Amino acid sequence: MRNDGRANNQLREIKFTHNFTKHALGSVLVEFGDTKVITTASVDLKKPKWMNEDDHRGWITAEYSLLPSATNTRCRREREKVSGRTHEIQRLIGRSLRACVDLEKMPEMTITIDADVIQADGGTRTASICGGFLALNDAVNKLIADGKLTESPIIEPIAAISIGIVDGEIKLDLNYEEDSHAQVDSNVILTKSGKIVDFQTTSEGEPYEYEKMLELFEIAKSGITSIIERY
């Protein structure tokens, strides 16, 4: 039994609250246990400046922020320079969401997903991806209703989850205490049909066996299926 009473293959309590804010075209408060993230989708009806003139695709990008009071020790706001960790997470969220979208079907349009962590207890990047997809989907539906899109560019849903080996056992959806003591730490991002968007796995100590990696992946896949069923 884990420190919060869950079985090793059990997700934390998950909750998605849509339309959490009124100004963003899509907004979702996502909760994985004590991890809480506000995800919003904002739309700019023009493509990024770096895109070539003859490239008429749309684009999806992301920004991630850990708010100062999100952890038990106050973290400073990243006003002038984004840390390497934040930059990595932003890129992960952005490319994960682009992987489930046909950018040709949202021409001359940029959608920005903002993920603001208001309380952190492990799995903030995976929670941000799940909430980010739902905020994106809500925004797309409103753009179709407003006549700004003729069809949905979303190919299929995606979801993400953390998993690792803690005290020699595979455990799904790690909280902070488990994550900080994990011998193996992984993040898995899959589409609804099971296609791999990202599979990050790192040994924090001794190397581990190939068979364990396959077991990690299969348990994570089952967890992701369960998350998507709750969308």
C-alpha atoms as a PDB file:
ATOM      1  CA  MET A   1       0.000   0.000   0.000  1.00  0.00           C
ATOM      2  CA  ARG A   2       1.291   3.469  -0.911  1.00  0.00           C
ATOM      3  CA  ASN A   3       1.627   6.489   1.371  1.00  0.00           C
ATOM      4  CA  ASP A   4      -1.750   7.800   0.185  1.00  0.00           C
ATOM      5  CA  GLY A   5      -3.504   4.431   0.364  1.00  0.00           C
ATOM      6  CA  ARG A   6      -3.575   3.668  -3.372  1.00  0.00           C
ATOM      7  CA  ALA A   7      -2.747   0.418  -5.087  1.00  0.00           C
ATOM      8  CA  ASN A   8       0.405   0.529  -7.218  1.00  0.00           C
ATOM      9  CA  ASN A   9      -1.565   0.636 -10.490  1.00  0.00           C
ATOM     10  CA  GLN A  10      -4.167   3.131  -9.235  1.00  0.00           C
ATOM     11  CA  LEU A  11      -4.494   6.730 -10.414  1.00  0.00           C
ATOM     12  CA  ARG A  12      -5.027   9.564  -7.974  1.00  0.00           C
ATOM     13  CA  GLU A  13      -8.484  11.142  -7.872  1.00  0.00           C
ATOM     14  CA  ILE A  14      -8.860  13.069 -11.143  1.00  0.00           C
ATOM     15  CA  LYS A  15     -11.165  16.002 -11.786  1.00  0.00           C
ATOM     16  CA  PHE A  16     -11.620  18.297 -14.804  1.00  0.00           C
ATOM     17  CA  THR A  17     -13.571  21.549 -14.339  1.00  0.00           C
ATOM     18  CA  HIS A  18     -14.406  23.172 -17.704  1.00  0.00           C
ATOM     19  CA  ASN A  19     -14.983  26.913 -18.250  1.00  0.00           C
ATOM     20  CA  PHE A  20     -12.979  27.667 -15.120  1.00  0.00           C
ATOM     21  CA  THR A  21     -12.263  31.223 -16.309  1.00  0.00           C
ATOM     22  CA  LYS A  22     -14.507  33.376 -18.486  1.00  0.00           C
ATOM     23  CA  HIS A  23     -12.122  35.238 -20.830  1.00  0.00           C
ATOM     24  CA  ALA A  24     -10.132  32.385 -22.385  1.00  0.00           C
ATOM     25  CA  LEU A  25     -11.775  30.555 -25.274  1.00  0.00           C
ATOM     26  CA  GLY A  26     -11.067  27.303 -23.462  1.00  0.00           C
ATOM     27  CA  SER A  27     -10.232  26.883 -19.780  1.00  0.00           C
ATOM     28  CA  VAL A  28      -9.969  23.816 -17.586  1.00  0.00           C
ATOM     29  CA  LEU A  29      -8.906  23.323 -13.978  1.00  0.00           C
ATOM     30  CA  VAL A  30      -7.264  19.901 -13.893  1.00  0.00           C
ATOM     31  CA  GLU A  31      -6.699  18.084 -10.608  1.00  0.00           C
ATOM     32  CA  PHE A  32      -4.623  14.945 -10.105  1.00  0.00           C
ATOM     33  CA  GLY A  33      -4.834  14.432  -6.359  1.00  0.00           C
ATOM     34  CA  ASP A  34      -3.221  17.470  -4.757  1.00  0.00           C
ATOM     35  CA  THR A  35      -1.719  18.667  -8.053  1.00  0.00           C
ATOM     36  CA  LYS A  36      -3.879  21.439  -9.490  1.00  0.00           C
ATOM     37  CA  VAL A  37      -3.244  23.237 -12.797  1.00  0.00           C
ATOM     38  CA  ILE A  38      -5.262  25.936 -14.568  1.00  0.00           C
ATOM     39  CA  THR A  39      -4.998  25.394 -18.331  1.00  0.00           C
ATOM     40  CA  THR A  40      -6.319  27.939 -20.819  1.00  0.00           C
ATOM     41  CA  ALA A  41      -6.441  28.217 -24.605  1.00  0.00           C
ATOM     42  CA  SER A  42      -6.113  31.631 -26.258  1.00  0.00           C
ATOM     43  CA  VAL A  43      -6.517  32.195 -29.985  1.00  0.00           C
ATOM     44  CA  ASP A  44      -4.734  34.648 -32.272  1.00  0.00           C
ATOM     45  CA  LEU A  45      -6.117  34.721 -35.831  1.00  0.00           C
ATOM     46  CA  LYS A  46      -2.711  34.869 -37.474  1.00  0.00           C
ATOM     47  CA  LYS A  47       0.193  32.491 -37.867  1.00  0.00           C
ATOM     48  CA  PRO A  48       3.528  32.922 -36.041  1.00  0.00           C
ATOM     49  CA  LYS A  49       5.904  35.550 -37.428  1.00  0.00           C
ATOM     50  CA  TRP A  50       8.661  32.982 -37.973  1.00  0.00           C
ATOM     51  CA  MET A  51       6.508  30.930 -40.370  1.00  0.00           C
ATOM     52  CA  ASN A  52       7.215  31.342 -44.107  1.00  0.00           C
ATOM     53  CA  GLU A  53       4.752  33.381 -46.181  1.00  0.00           C
ATOM     54  CA  ASP A  54       3.814  30.373 -48.310  1.00  0.00           C
ATOM     55  CA  ASP A  55       3.200  28.213 -45.238  1.00  0.00           C
ATOM     56  CA  HIS A  56      -0.466  28.574 -44.307  1.00  0.00           C
ATOM     57  CA  ARG A  57      -0.621  26.073 -41.477  1.00  0.00           C
ATOM     58  CA  GLY A  58      -1.764  27.082 -38.051  1.00  0.00           C
ATOM     59  CA  TRP A  59       0.300  26.530 -34.919  1.00  0.00           C
ATOM     60  CA  ILE A  60      -0.070  25.437 -31.303  1.00  0.00           C
ATOM     61  CA  THR A  61       2.370  26.569 -28.644  1.00  0.00           C
ATOM     62  CA  ALA A  62       2.465  26.454 -24.861  1.00  0.00           C
ATOM     63  CA  GLU A  63       3.659  28.355 -21.821  1.00  0.00           C
ATOM     64  CA  TYR A  64       4.088  26.781 -18.381  1.00  0.00           C
ATOM     65  CA  SER A  65       4.428  28.440 -15.010  1.00  0.00           C
ATOM     66  CA  LEU A  66       4.833  27.190 -11.470  1.00  0.00           C
ATOM     67  CA  LEU A  67       3.220  29.865  -9.304  1.00  0.00           C
ATOM     68  CA  PRO A  68       5.187  31.007  -6.226  1.00  0.00           C
ATOM     69  CA  SER A  69       2.874  29.403  -3.652  1.00  0.00           C
ATOM     70  CA  ALA A  70       2.454  26.138  -5.576  1.00  0.00           C
ATOM     71  CA  THR A  71       5.074  24.371  -3.427  1.00  0.00           C
ATOM     72  CA  ASN A  72       5.783  24.306   0.294  1.00  0.00           C
ATOM     73  CA  THR A  73       8.752  26.628  -0.265  1.00  0.00           C
ATOM     74  CA  ARG A  74       8.021  29.764  -2.288  1.00  0.00           C
ATOM     75  CA  CYS A  75       9.576  29.701  -5.762  1.00  0.00           C
ATOM     76  CA  ARG A  76      10.424  32.944  -7.530  1.00  0.00           C
ATOM     77  CA  ARG A  77       8.498  34.103 -10.572  1.00  0.00           C
ATOM     78  CA  GLU A  78      10.409  33.697 -13.833  1.00  0.00           C
ATOM     79  CA  ARG A  79       9.928  37.271 -15.014  1.00  0.00           C
ATOM     80  CA  GLU A  80      13.081  37.844 -17.055  1.00  0.00           C
ATOM     81  CA  LYS A  81      14.518  34.429 -17.860  1.00  0.00           C
ATOM     82  CA  VAL A  82      12.759  31.082 -18.135  1.00  0.00           C
ATOM     83  CA  SER A  83      14.586  28.211 -16.439  1.00  0.00           C
ATOM     84  CA  GLY A  84      15.765  25.184 -18.371  1.00  0.00           C
ATOM     85  CA  ARG A  85      13.130  23.014 -16.662  1.00  0.00           C
ATOM     86  CA  THR A  86      10.312  25.392 -17.588  1.00  0.00           C
ATOM     87  CA  HIS A  87      11.535  25.657 -21.181  1.00  0.00           C
ATOM     88  CA  GLU A  88      11.665  21.860 -21.475  1.00  0.00           C
ATOM     89  CA  ILE A  89       8.123  21.453 -20.103  1.00  0.00           C
ATOM     90  CA  GLN A  90       6.728  24.167 -22.396  1.00  0.00           C
ATOM     91  CA  ARG A  91       8.234  22.460 -25.432  1.00  0.00           C
ATOM     92  CA  LEU A  92       6.899  19.093 -24.277  1.00  0.00           C
ATOM     93  CA  ILE A  93       3.337  20.426 -23.892  1.00  0.00           C
ATOM     94  CA  GLY A  94       3.435  22.232 -27.240  1.00  0.00           C
ATOM     95  CA  ARG A  95       4.782  19.359 -29.326  1.00  0.00           C
ATOM     96  CA  SER A  96       2.457  16.875 -27.591  1.00  0.00           C
ATOM     97  CA  LEU A  97      -0.622  18.911 -28.518  1.00  0.00           C
ATOM     98  CA  ARG A  98       0.612  19.488 -32.076  1.00  0.00           C
ATOM     99  CA  ALA A  99       0.969  15.719 -32.446  1.00  0.00           C
ATOM    100  CA  CYS A 100      -2.791  15.223 -32.141  1.00  0.00           C
ATOM    101  CA  VAL A 101      -3.781  18.040 -34.524  1.00  0.00           C
ATOM    102  CA  ASP A 102      -3.823  18.508 -38.292  1.00  0.00           C
ATOM    103  CA  LEU A 103      -2.342  22.020 -38.506  1.00  0.00           C
ATOM    104  CA  GLU A 104      -3.490  22.338 -42.124  1.00  0.00           C
ATOM    105  CA  LYS A 105      -7.088  22.452 -40.859  1.00  0.00           C
ATOM    106  CA  MET A 106      -6.491  25.553 -38.719  1.00  0.00           C
ATOM    107  CA  PRO A 107      -4.837  27.894 -41.259  1.00  0.00           C
ATOM    108  CA  GLU A 108      -3.416  31.284 -40.285  1.00  0.00           C
ATOM    109  CA  MET A 109      -4.204  30.676 -36.607  1.00  0.00           C
ATOM    110  CA  THR A 110      -2.132  30.373 -33.434  1.00  0.00           C
ATOM    111  CA  ILE A 111      -3.511  28.736 -30.303  1.00  0.00           C
ATOM    112  CA  THR A 112      -1.526  29.249 -27.112  1.00  0.00           C
ATOM    113  CA  ILE A 113      -2.015  26.879 -24.199  1.00  0.00           C
ATOM    114  CA  ASP A 114      -1.113  28.347 -20.820  1.00  0.00           C
ATOM    115  CA  ALA A 115      -0.564  25.925 -17.950  1.00  0.00           C
ATOM    116  CA  ASP A 116      -0.322  27.605 -14.545  1.00  0.00           C
ATOM    117  CA  VAL A 117       0.404  25.280 -11.643  1.00  0.00           C
ATOM    118  CA  ILE A 118      -1.371  26.568  -8.538  1.00  0.00           C
ATOM    119  CA  GLN A 119      -0.519  23.546  -6.383  1.00  0.00           C
ATOM    120  CA  ALA A 120       2.211  21.001  -7.073  1.00  0.00           C
ATOM    121  CA  ASP A 121       2.374  17.442  -5.767  1.00  0.00           C
ATOM    122  CA  GLY A 122       4.064  15.601  -8.620  1.00  0.00           C
ATOM    123  CA  GLY A 123       3.027  15.089 -12.248  1.00  0.00           C
ATOM    124  CA  THR A 124       2.532  18.763 -13.102  1.00  0.00           C
ATOM    125  CA  ARG A 125       3.701  18.363 -16.713  1.00  0.00           C
ATOM    126  CA  THR A 126       1.455  15.361 -17.388  1.00  0.00           C
ATOM    127  CA  ALA A 127      -1.532  17.071 -15.748  1.00  0.00           C
ATOM    128  CA  SER A 128      -0.808  20.146 -17.895  1.00  0.00           C
ATOM    129  CA  ILE A 129      -0.934  18.063 -21.068  1.00  0.00           C
ATOM    130  CA  CYS A 130      -4.278  16.476 -20.118  1.00  0.00           C
ATOM    131  CA  GLY A 131      -5.818  19.815 -19.156  1.00  0.00           C
ATOM    132  CA  GLY A 132      -4.198  21.485 -22.151  1.00  0.00           C
ATOM    133  CA  PHE A 133      -5.828  19.038 -24.545  1.00  0.00           C
ATOM    134  CA  LEU A 134      -9.260  19.629 -23.003  1.00  0.00           C
ATOM    135  CA  ALA A 135      -8.838  23.426 -23.123  1.00  0.00           C
ATOM    136  CA  LEU A 136      -7.740  23.114 -26.764  1.00  0.00           C
ATOM    137  CA  ASN A 137     -10.735  20.937 -27.599  1.00  0.00           C
ATOM    138  CA  ASP A 138     -13.146  23.391 -25.957  1.00  0.00           C
ATOM    139  CA  ALA A 139     -11.573  26.287 -27.874  1.00  0.00           C
ATOM    140  CA  VAL A 140     -11.817  24.403 -31.176  1.00  0.00           C
ATOM    141  CA  ASN A 141     -15.505  23.673 -30.607  1.00  0.00           C
ATOM    142  CA  LYS A 142     -16.180  27.371 -29.981  1.00  0.00           C
ATOM    143  CA  LEU A 143     -14.201  28.372 -33.087  1.00  0.00           C
ATOM    144  CA  ILE A 144     -16.337  25.985 -35.161  1.00  0.00           C
ATOM    145  CA  ALA A 145     -19.532  27.380 -33.617  1.00  0.00           C
ATOM    146  CA  ASP A 146     -18.347  30.925 -34.433  1.00  0.00           C
ATOM    147  CA  GLY A 147     -17.559  29.984 -38.043  1.00  0.00           C
ATOM    148  CA  LYS A 148     -13.804  30.562 -37.664  1.00  0.00           C
ATOM    149  CA  LEU A 149     -13.055  26.900 -38.344  1.00  0.00           C
ATOM    150  CA  THR A 150     -14.944  24.713 -40.804  1.00  0.00           C
ATOM    151  CA  GLU A 151     -13.989  21.443 -39.099  1.00  0.00           C
ATOM    152  CA  SER A 152     -12.076  20.209 -36.086  1.00  0.00           C
ATOM    153  CA  PRO A 153      -8.317  19.887 -36.625  1.00  0.00           C
ATOM    154  CA  ILE A 154      -8.056  17.438 -33.720  1.00  0.00           C
ATOM    155  CA  ILE A 155      -7.184  13.965 -34.982  1.00  0.00           C
ATOM    156  CA  GLU A 156      -7.711  12.124 -31.701  1.00  0.00           C
ATOM    157  CA  PRO A 157      -7.393  12.798 -27.950  1.00  0.00           C
ATOM    158  CA  ILE A 158      -4.120  12.475 -26.082  1.00  0.00           C
ATOM    159  CA  ALA A 159      -3.312  12.066 -22.398  1.00  0.00           C
ATOM    160  CA  ALA A 160      -0.193  11.775 -20.261  1.00  0.00           C
ATOM    161  CA  ILE A 161       0.761  10.124 -16.994  1.00  0.00           C
ATOM    162  CA  SER A 162       3.806   9.660 -14.805  1.00  0.00           C
ATOM    163  CA  ILE A 163       5.010   6.242 -13.675  1.00  0.00           C
ATOM    164  CA  GLY A 164       8.122   4.965 -11.975  1.00  0.00           C
ATOM    165  CA  ILE A 165       9.863   2.366  -9.865  1.00  0.00           C
ATOM    166  CA  VAL A 166       9.806   3.293  -6.181  1.00  0.00           C
ATOM    167  CA  ASP A 167      11.241   0.989  -3.520  1.00  0.00           C
ATOM    168  CA  GLY A 168      11.583  -1.689  -6.177  1.00  0.00           C
ATOM    169  CA  GLU A 169       7.913  -1.570  -7.221  1.00  0.00           C
ATOM    170  CA  ILE A 170       6.247  -0.047 -10.300  1.00  0.00           C
ATOM    171  CA  LYS A 171       3.864   2.724  -9.243  1.00  0.00           C
ATOM    172  CA  LEU A 172       1.480   4.713 -11.444  1.00  0.00           C
ATOM    173  CA  ASP A 173       0.813   8.461 -11.207  1.00  0.00           C
ATOM    174  CA  LEU A 174       3.551   9.430  -8.768  1.00  0.00           C
ATOM    175  CA  ASN A 175       2.983  12.089  -6.131  1.00  0.00           C
ATOM    176  CA  TYR A 176       5.876  14.316  -5.083  1.00  0.00           C
ATOM    177  CA  GLU A 177       7.143  12.095  -2.261  1.00  0.00           C
ATOM    178  CA  GLU A 178       7.231   9.065  -4.551  1.00  0.00           C
ATOM    179  CA  ASP A 179       8.756  10.982  -7.449  1.00  0.00           C
ATOM    180  CA  SER A 180      11.551  12.373  -5.270  1.00  0.00           C
ATOM    181  CA  HIS A 181      12.544   8.845  -4.171  1.00  0.00           C
ATOM    182  CA  ALA A 182      12.036   7.002  -7.477  1.00  0.00           C
ATOM    183  CA  GLN A 183      14.740   4.701  -8.806  1.00  0.00           C
ATOM    184  CA  VAL A 184      13.190   5.026 -12.292  1.00  0.00           C
ATOM    185  CA  ASP A 185      11.150   8.045 -13.390  1.00  0.00           C
ATOM    186  CA  SER A 186       9.020   8.019 -16.554  1.00  0.00           C
ATOM    187  CA  ASN A 187       6.452  10.179 -18.339  1.00  0.00           C
ATOM    188  CA  VAL A 188       4.263   8.573 -21.007  1.00  0.00           C
ATOM    189  CA  ILE A 189       2.117  10.455 -23.551  1.00  0.00           C
ATOM    190  CA  LEU A 190      -0.176   8.482 -25.849  1.00  0.00           C
ATOM    191  CA  THR A 191      -3.038   9.037 -28.241  1.00  0.00           C
ATOM    192  CA  LYS A 192      -6.412   7.406 -27.635  1.00  0.00           C
ATOM    193  CA  SER A 193      -5.535   4.707 -30.171  1.00  0.00           C
ATOM    194  CA  GLY A 194      -2.307   3.941 -28.280  1.00  0.00           C
ATOM    195  CA  LYS A 195       0.212   5.670 -30.548  1.00  0.00           C
ATOM    196  CA  ILE A 196       3.282   7.019 -28.759  1.00  0.00           C
ATOM    197  CA  VAL A 197       3.713  10.784 -28.606  1.00  0.00           C
ATOM    198  CA  ASP A 198       6.475  10.715 -26.000  1.00  0.00           C
ATOM    199  CA  PHE A 199       8.008   8.124 -23.682  1.00  0.00           C
ATOM    200  CA  GLN A 200      10.614   9.599 -21.360  1.00  0.00           C
ATOM    201  CA  THR A 201      12.223   7.184 -18.940  1.00  0.00           C
ATOM    202  CA  THR A 202      15.305   7.694 -16.799  1.00  0.00           C
ATOM    203  CA  SER A 203      17.105   5.549 -14.274  1.00  0.00           C
ATOM    204  CA  GLU A 204      18.029   7.654 -11.252  1.00  0.00           C
ATOM    205  CA  GLY A 205      20.438   5.014  -9.948  1.00  0.00           C
ATOM    206  CA  GLU A 206      21.202   1.501 -11.124  1.00  0.00           C
ATOM    207  CA  PRO A 207      20.182   0.510 -14.668  1.00  0.00           C
ATOM    208  CA  TYR A 208      17.036  -1.569 -15.000  1.00  0.00           C
ATOM    209  CA  GLU A 209      15.926  -4.412 -17.250  1.00  0.00           C
ATOM    210  CA  TYR A 210      14.229  -4.130 -20.645  1.00  0.00           C
ATOM    211  CA  GLU A 211      11.326  -6.238 -19.375  1.00  0.00           C
ATOM    212  CA  LYS A 212      10.686  -3.676 -16.631  1.00  0.00           C
ATOM    213  CA  MET A 213      10.490  -0.910 -19.233  1.00  0.00           C
ATOM    214  CA  LEU A 214       7.820  -2.852 -21.126  1.00  0.00           C
ATOM    215  CA  GLU A 215       5.883  -3.403 -17.888  1.00  0.00           C
ATOM    216  CA  LEU A 216       6.123   0.322 -17.071  1.00  0.00           C
ATOM    217  CA  PHE A 217       4.749   1.194 -20.492  1.00  0.00           C
ATOM    218  CA  GLU A 218       1.823  -1.252 -20.340  1.00  0.00           C
ATOM    219  CA  ILE A 219       0.689  -0.035 -16.913  1.00  0.00           C
ATOM    220  CA  ALA A 220       1.003   3.592 -18.054  1.00  0.00           C
ATOM    221  CA  LYS A 221      -1.025   2.775 -21.177  1.00  0.00           C
ATOM    222  CA  SER A 222      -3.824   1.359 -19.040  1.00  0.00           C
ATOM    223  CA  GLY A 223      -3.773   4.520 -16.901  1.00  0.00           C
ATOM    224  CA  ILE A 224      -3.960   6.766 -19.966  1.00  0.00           C
ATOM    225  CA  THR A 225      -6.933   4.804 -21.308  1.00  0.00           C
ATOM    226  CA  SER A 226      -8.684   5.407 -17.989  1.00  0.00           C
ATOM    227  CA  ILE A 227      -7.912   9.153 -18.117  1.00  0.00           C
ATOM    228  CA  ILE A 228      -9.265   9.550 -21.658  1.00  0.00           C
ATOM    229  CA  GLU A 229     -12.450   7.743 -20.638  1.00  0.00           C
ATOM    230  CA  ARG A 230     -13.000  10.563 -18.111  1.00  0.00           C
ATOM    231  CA  TYR A 231     -12.688  13.350 -20.695  1.00  0.00           C
END
